Amino acid sequence: MESEKSKDAQKNKISVGLIIDKEELQSNVIFPGEIKEEVMDAPFYLLIFISREDVVKISCFPSTTNNIKKILIKLEEFSPNLVKGISSVLRELNLSKDVLHTTGLCYELSDCYYESFITGDGMDSEDIEEIKRAFMAIEKVNDVIFEEVELLS
């Protein structure tokens, strides 16, 4: 049986990301042929799985790189000012062009998250620390976590 802490950690994730390459997409029988034809121009694909109660939504984003990072931002609350602050940081740090997907969700009034999947080419640990500091400077941001999105191998 899962522990309560494990369940809480799982609940606090909005989504799970996975990267597949063009060959995996082409050979995978789950993807319909007409979809494969529409998205076959990219060498990699970011798959985002969002699980809620009894449904799983899967989104597919073509990418030129397999270096994709997920930024998970824990918020005190969800508000237009917070979203505006996050968007400003992405713009100021010239990351807007690298964003593949963003979303936000509150499980309860004070248990809110915003996440963004970005391409991470050329990003080193100093860049990551600078990005964390910039997000943490926004009022009502409690934590910023970077995750590497795995490539299916």
Protein backbone atom coordinates (compact mmCIF):
# COMPACT_ATOMS: atom_id res chain seq x y z
CA MET A 1 0.00 0.00 0.00
CA GLU A 2 1.21 3.49 -0.84
CA SER A 3 2.09 5.79 2.02
CA GLU A 4 0.15 9.03 2.50
CA LYS A 5 3.32 11.02 1.73
CA SER A 6 3.76 9.12 -1.56
CA LYS A 7 0.11 9.76 -2.47
CA ASP A 8 0.49 13.47 -1.66
CA ALA A 9 3.65 13.75 -3.78
CA GLN A 10 1.89 12.02 -6.66
CA LYS A 11 -1.20 14.21 -6.25
CA ASN A 12 0.93 17.37 -6.34
CA LYS A 13 2.14 16.59 -9.84
CA ILE A 14 0.01 18.09 -12.55
CA SER A 15 1.55 15.91 -15.21
CA VAL A 16 4.31 13.52 -16.17
CA GLY A 17 6.44 14.09 -19.25
CA LEU A 18 8.23 11.60 -21.47
CA ILE A 19 10.22 12.13 -24.66
CA ILE A 20 10.12 9.71 -27.56
CA ASP A 21 12.03 9.88 -30.82
CA LYS A 22 10.67 9.83 -34.35
CA GLU A 23 11.36 6.11 -34.75
CA GLU A 24 9.40 5.26 -31.58
CA LEU A 25 6.45 7.38 -32.71
CA GLN A 26 6.45 5.74 -36.15
CA SER A 27 6.61 2.18 -34.79
CA ASN A 28 4.15 2.69 -31.92
CA VAL A 29 0.77 1.13 -32.71
CA ILE A 30 -1.08 3.40 -30.28
CA PHE A 31 -0.64 6.44 -32.55
CA PRO A 32 -3.11 6.42 -35.49
CA GLY A 33 -1.55 6.61 -38.96
CA GLU A 34 -3.15 9.97 -39.77
CA ILE A 35 -1.60 11.48 -36.62
CA LYS A 36 1.82 10.06 -37.49
CA GLU A 37 1.58 11.68 -40.94
CA GLU A 38 0.71 15.06 -39.41
CA VAL A 39 3.54 15.21 -36.85
CA MET A 40 6.40 13.29 -38.47
CA ASP A 41 8.57 16.34 -39.18
CA ALA A 42 10.27 16.49 -35.76
CA PRO A 43 13.10 14.28 -34.48
CA PHE A 44 11.58 14.15 -30.94
CA TYR A 45 8.16 14.34 -29.29
CA LEU A 46 7.30 15.43 -25.78
CA LEU A 47 4.39 13.38 -24.43
CA ILE A 48 2.59 14.90 -21.46
CA PHE A 49 0.32 12.66 -19.40
CA ILE A 50 -2.26 14.37 -17.19
CA SER A 51 -4.13 11.98 -14.92
CA ARG A 52 -7.33 13.04 -13.15
CA GLU A 53 -9.59 10.61 -11.32
CA ASP A 54 -10.62 8.10 -14.00
CA VAL A 55 -9.19 9.72 -17.15
CA VAL A 56 -5.71 10.27 -18.60
CA LYS A 57 -5.15 13.01 -21.16
CA ILE A 58 -2.08 12.63 -23.40
CA SER A 59 -0.69 15.58 -25.34
CA CYS A 60 2.07 15.31 -27.94
CA PHE A 61 4.43 18.20 -28.76
CA PRO A 62 6.96 17.91 -31.61
CA SER A 63 10.44 19.09 -30.59
CA THR A 64 13.78 19.61 -32.26
CA THR A 65 15.59 18.52 -29.09
CA ASN A 66 15.43 15.79 -26.48
CA ASN A 67 16.75 18.19 -23.83
CA ILE A 68 13.47 19.22 -22.20
CA LYS A 69 13.01 20.41 -18.65
CA LYS A 70 9.89 20.72 -16.53
CA ILE A 71 9.67 23.69 -14.20
CA LEU A 72 7.21 23.06 -11.36
CA ILE A 73 6.29 26.18 -9.39
CA LYS A 74 4.44 25.81 -6.08
CA LEU A 75 2.14 28.77 -5.41
CA GLU A 76 0.33 30.02 -2.32
CA GLU A 77 -2.67 30.70 -4.53
CA PHE A 78 -3.56 31.03 -8.20
CA SER A 79 -4.15 34.59 -9.34
CA PRO A 80 -3.85 36.68 -12.52
CA ASN A 81 -0.96 38.61 -10.93
CA LEU A 82 0.99 35.42 -10.29
CA VAL A 83 0.49 34.22 -13.86
CA LYS A 84 1.53 37.66 -15.11
CA GLY A 85 4.66 37.50 -12.92
CA ILE A 86 5.58 34.06 -14.21
CA SER A 87 5.05 35.19 -17.82
CA SER A 88 7.22 38.26 -17.17
CA VAL A 89 10.08 36.11 -15.85
CA LEU A 90 9.85 33.81 -18.89
CA ARG A 91 10.00 36.87 -21.17
CA GLU A 92 12.77 38.67 -19.26
CA LEU A 93 14.98 35.58 -19.23
CA ASN A 94 14.25 35.01 -22.93
CA LEU A 95 12.62 31.63 -22.23
CA SER A 96 9.24 32.31 -23.87
CA LYS A 97 10.54 31.02 -27.20
CA ASP A 98 11.54 27.74 -25.49
CA VAL A 99 8.15 26.98 -23.88
CA LEU A 100 6.42 23.88 -25.24
CA HIS A 101 3.53 23.69 -22.76
CA THR A 102 2.29 25.42 -19.61
CA THR A 103 -0.58 24.70 -17.26
CA GLY A 104 -1.69 25.38 -13.72
CA LEU A 105 -3.90 23.71 -11.17
CA CYS A 106 -5.11 24.11 -7.58
CA TYR A 107 -5.97 21.00 -5.60
CA GLU A 108 -7.21 23.13 -2.74
CA LEU A 109 -7.19 26.89 -2.14
CA SER A 110 -3.59 26.91 -0.88
CA ASP A 111 -2.21 23.91 -2.79
CA CYS A 112 -1.57 25.39 -6.25
CA TYR A 113 0.97 24.57 -8.96
CA TYR A 114 2.06 26.04 -12.25
CA GLU A 115 4.27 24.05 -14.58
CA SER A 116 6.06 24.74 -17.79
CA PHE A 117 7.89 22.38 -20.13
CA ILE A 118 10.77 24.14 -21.87
CA THR A 119 13.57 23.14 -24.20
CA GLY A 120 16.82 23.23 -22.26
CA ASP A 121 19.50 23.38 -24.94
CA GLY A 122 22.45 25.43 -23.76
CA MET A 123 21.09 25.65 -20.21
CA ASP A 124 23.57 24.91 -17.42
CA SER A 125 23.24 24.72 -13.62
CA GLU A 126 23.95 28.46 -13.24
CA ASP A 127 21.10 29.26 -15.65
CA ILE A 128 18.79 26.98 -13.68
CA GLU A 129 19.71 28.71 -10.41
CA GLU A 130 19.12 32.14 -11.99
CA ILE A 131 15.69 31.00 -13.24
CA LYS A 132 14.81 29.62 -9.80
CA ARG A 133 15.85 32.91 -8.13
CA ALA A 134 13.76 34.94 -10.60
CA PHE A 135 10.64 32.83 -9.98
CA MET A 136 11.19 32.81 -6.20
CA ALA A 137 11.28 36.64 -6.27
CA ILE A 138 7.61 36.63 -7.31
CA GLU A 139 5.34 37.21 -4.35
CA LYS A 140 3.44 34.07 -3.26
CA VAL A 141 5.79 31.62 -5.04
CA ASN A 142 6.78 29.01 -2.43
CA ASP A 143 9.09 26.70 -4.37
CA VAL A 144 10.57 26.09 -7.82
CA ILE A 145 11.61 22.59 -8.89
CA PHE A 146 13.41 21.65 -12.12
CA GLU A 147 12.99 18.14 -13.49
CA GLU A 148 14.72 16.57 -16.46
CA VAL A 149 12.21 14.93 -18.79
CA GLU A 150 13.39 11.42 -19.65
CA LEU A 151 13.90 10.08 -23.15
CA LEU A 152 12.29 6.69 -23.64
CA SER A 153 15.05 4.28 -24.56
